[in-house]
């Protein structure tokens, strides 16, 4: 009786989603996970689109997901109807870290304010004393020197290119570049890379596929042992690093002479 009741609740939950594009028939609790493999999501979606067209609905567990396939469908949604599709979905695996804050994860008016502020700051840097273009040129020269040190030997350039791009971003955000062997810089790269890797693991994907379960029990699950906690602690380390850099800026803060993104953000916040 309990199993039948749970199946009935799940079925009603799926049928309350309103008018959605057509798609494969979901199974209670599992949804369309039999048709959409988490280890081959793109290929699965393309196969479904062959039958249902460029716009279709699949259920990831109990949650309906509307999928857009193809250039025209994506262009119509993200460009022609940008305001309607500008919202950000919640990722249960990192929601406990950010709680809707940040340019990438905020929604509504908060997102619009942060986006406008960020664009204004980057525009000021483009026109300021030391433009982003100059920072890129300096970093490119440093990167060439690192390549010359190899004396033409075969290398994997991934590490050097990652350092170069990260340093450009770091110079804008933190106001200074790092040496490629700097321990603090290498630790920052490690945290970023491992965070993306953890969010791509099957567990992280499953936490996004079942956000109700994760949200309901996140207060308990974060204290339980397991791989699912790793991304939380990695992002917390990143937040601690950024907080430490903000404190450094505050100690020598001059509102008349902003040095980086953090300074500009502090100026806008104090206004």
Protein backbone atom coordinates (compact mmCIF):
# COMPACT_ATOMS: atom_id res chain seq x y z
CA UNK A 1 0.00 0.00 0.00
CA UNK A 2 2.83 2.37 0.87
CA UNK A 3 4.59 1.65 -2.44
CA UNK A 4 1.37 2.29 -4.37
CA UNK A 5 0.83 5.54 -2.48
CA UNK A 6 4.37 6.75 -3.24
CA UNK A 7 3.98 5.89 -6.91
CA UNK A 8 0.65 7.76 -7.01
CA UNK A 9 2.20 10.85 -5.36
CA UNK A 10 5.09 10.80 -7.81
CA UNK A 11 2.78 10.40 -10.79
CA UNK A 12 0.58 13.33 -9.66
CA UNK A 13 3.72 15.44 -9.09
CA UNK A 14 4.77 14.83 -12.69
CA UNK A 15 1.36 15.67 -14.06
CA UNK A 16 1.16 19.00 -12.19
CA UNK A 17 3.93 20.57 -14.24
CA UNK A 18 1.48 22.37 -16.53
CA UNK A 19 1.67 22.68 -20.29
CA UNK A 20 5.09 21.50 -21.38
CA UNK A 21 6.60 20.47 -24.72
CA UNK A 22 6.15 16.79 -25.59
CA UNK A 23 8.72 14.21 -24.60
CA UNK A 24 9.23 10.56 -23.67
CA UNK A 25 6.85 9.16 -21.06
CA UNK A 26 8.47 9.33 -17.60
CA UNK A 27 8.52 6.57 -14.99
CA UNK A 28 7.54 7.51 -11.39
CA UNK A 29 10.56 8.57 -9.32
CA UNK A 30 13.07 7.76 -12.09
CA UNK A 31 11.51 10.03 -14.71
CA UNK A 32 13.40 9.58 -17.98
CA UNK A 33 16.70 8.46 -16.51
CA UNK A 34 16.46 5.26 -18.51
CA UNK A 35 16.50 7.31 -21.74
CA UNK A 36 18.92 10.01 -20.54
CA UNK A 37 22.24 8.60 -19.39
CA UNK A 38 24.11 10.84 -16.95
CA UNK A 39 27.43 9.71 -18.46
CA UNK A 40 26.31 10.58 -22.01
CA UNK A 41 23.78 13.38 -21.56
CA UNK A 42 24.43 15.16 -24.87
CA UNK A 43 24.16 11.99 -26.94
CA UNK A 44 20.97 11.01 -25.10
CA UNK A 45 19.36 14.40 -25.72
CA UNK A 46 20.24 14.30 -29.41
CA UNK A 47 18.64 10.88 -29.71
CA UNK A 48 15.44 12.11 -28.01
CA UNK A 49 15.37 15.19 -30.28
CA UNK A 50 15.29 12.93 -33.34
CA UNK A 51 11.79 11.87 -32.30
CA UNK A 52 10.42 14.95 -30.50
CA UNK A 53 12.15 17.80 -32.34
CA UNK A 54 14.37 20.65 -31.09
CA UNK A 55 12.11 21.41 -28.09
CA UNK A 56 11.13 18.62 -25.70
CA UNK A 57 10.65 17.76 -22.03
CA UNK A 58 12.45 15.09 -20.05
CA UNK A 59 12.07 14.29 -16.34
CA UNK A 60 15.19 14.09 -14.24
CA UNK A 61 13.70 12.19 -11.37
CA UNK A 62 10.55 14.11 -10.43
CA UNK A 63 11.70 17.38 -11.99
CA UNK A 64 10.73 18.35 -15.55
CA UNK A 65 13.51 19.79 -17.71
CA UNK A 66 12.78 21.54 -21.01
CA UNK A 67 15.61 20.89 -23.46
CA UNK A 68 16.51 23.07 -26.45
CA UNK A 69 18.46 21.38 -29.24
CA UNK A 70 19.95 23.19 -32.21
CA UNK A 71 21.15 26.69 -32.99
CA UNK A 72 17.77 28.17 -33.93
CA UNK A 73 15.97 26.97 -30.78
CA UNK A 74 18.74 28.22 -28.49
CA UNK A 75 18.97 31.57 -30.34
CA UNK A 76 15.22 32.15 -30.05
CA UNK A 77 15.29 31.50 -26.30
CA UNK A 78 18.53 33.16 -25.21
CA UNK A 79 18.60 36.10 -27.66
CA UNK A 80 15.13 36.76 -29.05
CA UNK A 81 13.44 36.13 -25.66
CA UNK A 82 16.38 36.80 -23.38
CA UNK A 83 14.39 38.37 -20.54
CA UNK A 84 12.12 35.34 -20.17
CA UNK A 85 15.06 32.92 -20.16
CA UNK A 86 17.54 34.90 -18.07
CA UNK A 87 16.84 33.02 -14.82
CA UNK A 88 19.43 30.72 -13.24
CA UNK A 89 18.61 27.18 -12.20
CA UNK A 90 19.52 26.04 -8.70
CA UNK A 91 22.25 23.42 -8.36
CA UNK A 92 21.56 21.59 -5.13
CA UNK A 93 25.18 20.48 -4.83
CA UNK A 94 26.46 24.08 -4.48
CA UNK A 95 23.36 25.96 -3.33
CA UNK A 96 24.44 25.56 0.30
CA UNK A 97 27.67 27.41 -0.55
CA UNK A 98 26.17 30.44 -2.31
CA UNK A 99 22.45 30.56 -1.36
CA UNK A 100 21.52 32.48 -4.49
CA UNK A 101 24.35 35.03 -4.32
CA UNK A 102 26.93 35.78 -7.00
CA UNK A 103 26.69 36.88 -10.62
CA UNK A 104 26.53 33.32 -11.97
CA UNK A 105 24.00 31.95 -9.48
CA UNK A 106 21.78 34.91 -8.55
CA UNK A 107 18.32 35.51 -9.99
CA UNK A 108 15.93 38.37 -10.58
CA UNK A 109 16.75 41.91 -9.48
CA UNK A 110 19.81 40.83 -7.48
CA UNK A 111 21.32 39.31 -10.62
CA UNK A 112 20.53 42.41 -12.70
CA UNK A 113 22.22 44.70 -10.15
CA UNK A 114 25.34 42.50 -9.90
CA UNK A 115 25.54 42.10 -13.68
CA UNK A 116 25.24 45.86 -14.27
CA UNK A 117 27.85 46.54 -11.57
CA UNK A 118 30.27 43.98 -13.00
CA UNK A 119 29.92 45.27 -16.55
CA UNK A 120 30.49 48.85 -15.35
CA UNK A 121 33.65 47.84 -13.49
CA UNK A 122 35.05 45.92 -16.45
CA UNK A 123 34.28 48.86 -18.74
CA UNK A 124 36.16 51.17 -16.37
CA UNK A 125 39.13 48.81 -16.47
CA UNK A 126 39.01 48.81 -20.24
CA UNK A 127 39.34 52.60 -20.23
CA UNK A 128 41.49 52.96 -17.09
CA UNK A 129 45.18 53.60 -16.46
CA UNK A 130 46.09 49.97 -17.08
CA UNK A 131 43.60 48.36 -19.43
CA UNK A 132 42.76 44.70 -19.66
CA UNK A 133 44.45 44.70 -23.06
CA UNK A 134 47.74 45.75 -21.47
CA UNK A 135 47.39 43.04 -18.82
CA UNK A 136 46.88 40.45 -21.56
CA UNK A 137 49.93 41.71 -23.46
CA UNK A 138 52.10 41.51 -20.33
CA UNK A 139 50.92 38.00 -19.56
CA UNK A 140 51.44 36.90 -23.17
CA UNK A 141 55.07 38.04 -22.96
CA UNK A 142 55.56 36.10 -19.74
CA UNK A 143 53.94 33.01 -21.31
CA UNK A 144 56.28 33.21 -24.31
CA UNK A 145 59.27 33.29 -21.96
CA UNK A 146 58.00 30.11 -20.27
CA UNK A 147 57.65 28.44 -23.68
CA UNK A 148 61.18 29.48 -24.64
CA UNK A 149 62.52 27.78 -21.52
CA UNK A 150 61.43 24.43 -22.96
CA UNK A 151 63.94 24.92 -25.85
CA UNK A 152 61.60 23.28 -28.33
CA UNK A 153 61.09 20.07 -26.34
CA UNK A 154 57.62 18.43 -26.59
CA UNK A 155 55.41 19.56 -23.71
CA UNK A 156 51.79 19.52 -22.62
CA UNK A 157 50.88 23.25 -22.62
CA UNK A 158 47.73 22.78 -20.51
CA UNK A 159 49.33 23.90 -17.25
CA UNK A 160 51.04 26.98 -18.72
CA UNK A 161 47.92 28.08 -20.60
CA UNK A 162 45.79 27.61 -17.47
CA UNK A 163 48.23 29.72 -15.47
CA UNK A 164 48.26 32.44 -18.12
CA UNK A 165 44.49 32.77 -18.41
CA UNK A 166 44.03 32.55 -14.63
CA UNK A 167 46.67 35.24 -14.11
CA UNK A 168 44.85 37.67 -16.40
CA UNK A 169 41.64 37.13 -14.47
CA UNK A 170 43.56 37.38 -11.20
CA UNK A 171 45.19 40.66 -12.20
CA UNK A 172 41.76 42.19 -12.78
CA UNK A 173 40.12 40.73 -9.67
CA UNK A 174 43.04 40.88 -7.21
CA UNK A 175 45.19 43.62 -8.79
CA UNK A 176 48.34 41.52 -9.09
CA UNK A 177 49.74 38.61 -11.06
CA UNK A 178 51.23 35.45 -9.59
CA UNK A 179 54.38 33.58 -10.45
CA UNK A 180 53.53 30.24 -12.04
CA UNK A 181 55.31 28.46 -9.19
CA UNK A 182 53.66 30.50 -6.42
CA UNK A 183 52.20 28.06 -3.89
CA UNK A 184 49.14 30.22 -3.19
CA UNK A 185 48.44 30.52 -6.91
CA UNK A 186 48.88 26.78 -7.51
CA UNK A 187 46.54 26.02 -4.61
CA UNK A 188 43.94 28.39 -6.08
CA UNK A 189 44.15 26.61 -9.46
CA UNK A 190 43.84 23.25 -7.70
CA UNK A 191 40.69 24.32 -5.87
CA UNK A 192 39.07 25.62 -9.05
CA UNK A 193 39.96 22.54 -11.12
CA UNK A 194 38.91 20.05 -8.47
CA UNK A 195 35.62 21.90 -7.91
CA UNK A 196 34.71 21.55 -11.59
CA UNK A 197 35.76 17.89 -11.56
CA UNK A 198 33.64 17.15 -8.50
CA UNK A 199 30.59 18.88 -10.04
CA UNK A 200 31.00 16.59 -13.06
CA UNK A 201 31.08 13.34 -11.11
CA UNK A 202 28.05 11.01 -11.16
CA UNK A 203 27.29 11.88 -7.51
CA UNK A 204 27.25 15.62 -8.15
CA UNK A 205 25.03 15.10 -11.19
CA UNK A 206 22.67 12.93 -9.20
CA UNK A 207 22.39 15.60 -6.51
CA UNK A 208 21.24 17.99 -9.24
CA UNK A 209 18.83 15.43 -10.65
CA UNK A 210 17.15 14.99 -7.30
CA UNK A 211 17.24 18.50 -5.78
CA UNK A 212 14.18 17.86 -3.58
CA UNK A 213 15.98 15.05 -1.71
CA UNK A 214 19.21 16.99 -1.42
CA UNK A 215 17.49 20.20 -0.29
CA UNK A 216 15.31 18.40 2.24
CA UNK A 217 18.24 16.56 3.83
CA UNK A 218 21.17 18.84 3.03
CA UNK A 219 21.45 19.87 6.67
CA UNK A 220 22.09 16.22 7.55
CA UNK A 221 23.84 15.06 4.38
CA UNK A 222 26.66 17.58 4.67
CA UNK A 223 27.66 15.92 7.95
CA UNK A 224 27.50 12.39 6.59
CA UNK A 225 30.71 10.87 5.21
CA UNK A 226 30.94 10.52 1.45
CA UNK A 227 32.10 12.02 -1.83
CA UNK A 228 29.12 14.39 -1.93
CA UNK A 229 30.75 16.63 0.71
CA UNK A 230 33.95 17.28 -1.22
CA UNK A 231 32.65 19.97 -3.58
CA UNK A 232 31.15 21.85 -0.61
CA UNK A 233 34.49 22.05 1.22
CA UNK A 234 36.42 22.93 -1.96
CA UNK A 235 34.15 25.90 -2.65
CA UNK A 236 34.33 26.98 1.00
CA UNK A 237 38.14 27.06 0.64
CA UNK A 238 37.75 29.26 -2.44
CA UNK A 239 35.45 31.60 -0.52
CA UNK A 240 37.99 31.79 2.32
CA UNK A 241 40.75 32.71 -0.14
CA UNK A 242 38.66 35.49 -1.71
CA UNK A 243 37.65 36.76 1.75
CA UNK A 244 41.33 36.96 2.72
CA UNK A 245 42.07 38.99 -0.42
CA UNK A 246 39.20 41.36 0.39
CA UNK A 247 40.69 41.96 3.86
CA UNK A 248 44.07 42.74 2.27
CA UNK A 249 42.40 45.30 0.00
CA UNK A 250 40.46 46.84 2.87
CA UNK A 251 43.68 47.41 4.82
CA UNK A 252 45.08 49.67 2.08
CA UNK A 253 41.85 50.80 0.45
CA UNK A 254 41.88 54.13 -1.39
CA UNK A 255 38.49 54.96 -2.95
CA UNK A 256 40.14 57.58 -5.16
CA UNK A 257 42.52 55.05 -6.71
CA UNK A 258 40.88 51.66 -7.26
CA UNK A 259 43.39 48.95 -8.14
CA UNK A 260 41.20 45.99 -9.03
CA UNK A 261 37.69 44.53 -9.12
CA UNK A 262 37.61 44.13 -5.33
CA UNK A 263 38.37 47.84 -4.79
CA UNK A 264 35.69 48.86 -7.29
CA UNK A 265 33.20 46.55 -5.61
CA UNK A 266 34.02 48.03 -2.21
CA UNK A 267 33.47 51.53 -3.58
CA UNK A 268 30.05 50.63 -4.99
CA UNK A 269 29.04 48.86 -1.74
CA UNK A 270 30.04 51.85 0.37
CA UNK A 271 27.98 54.09 -1.90
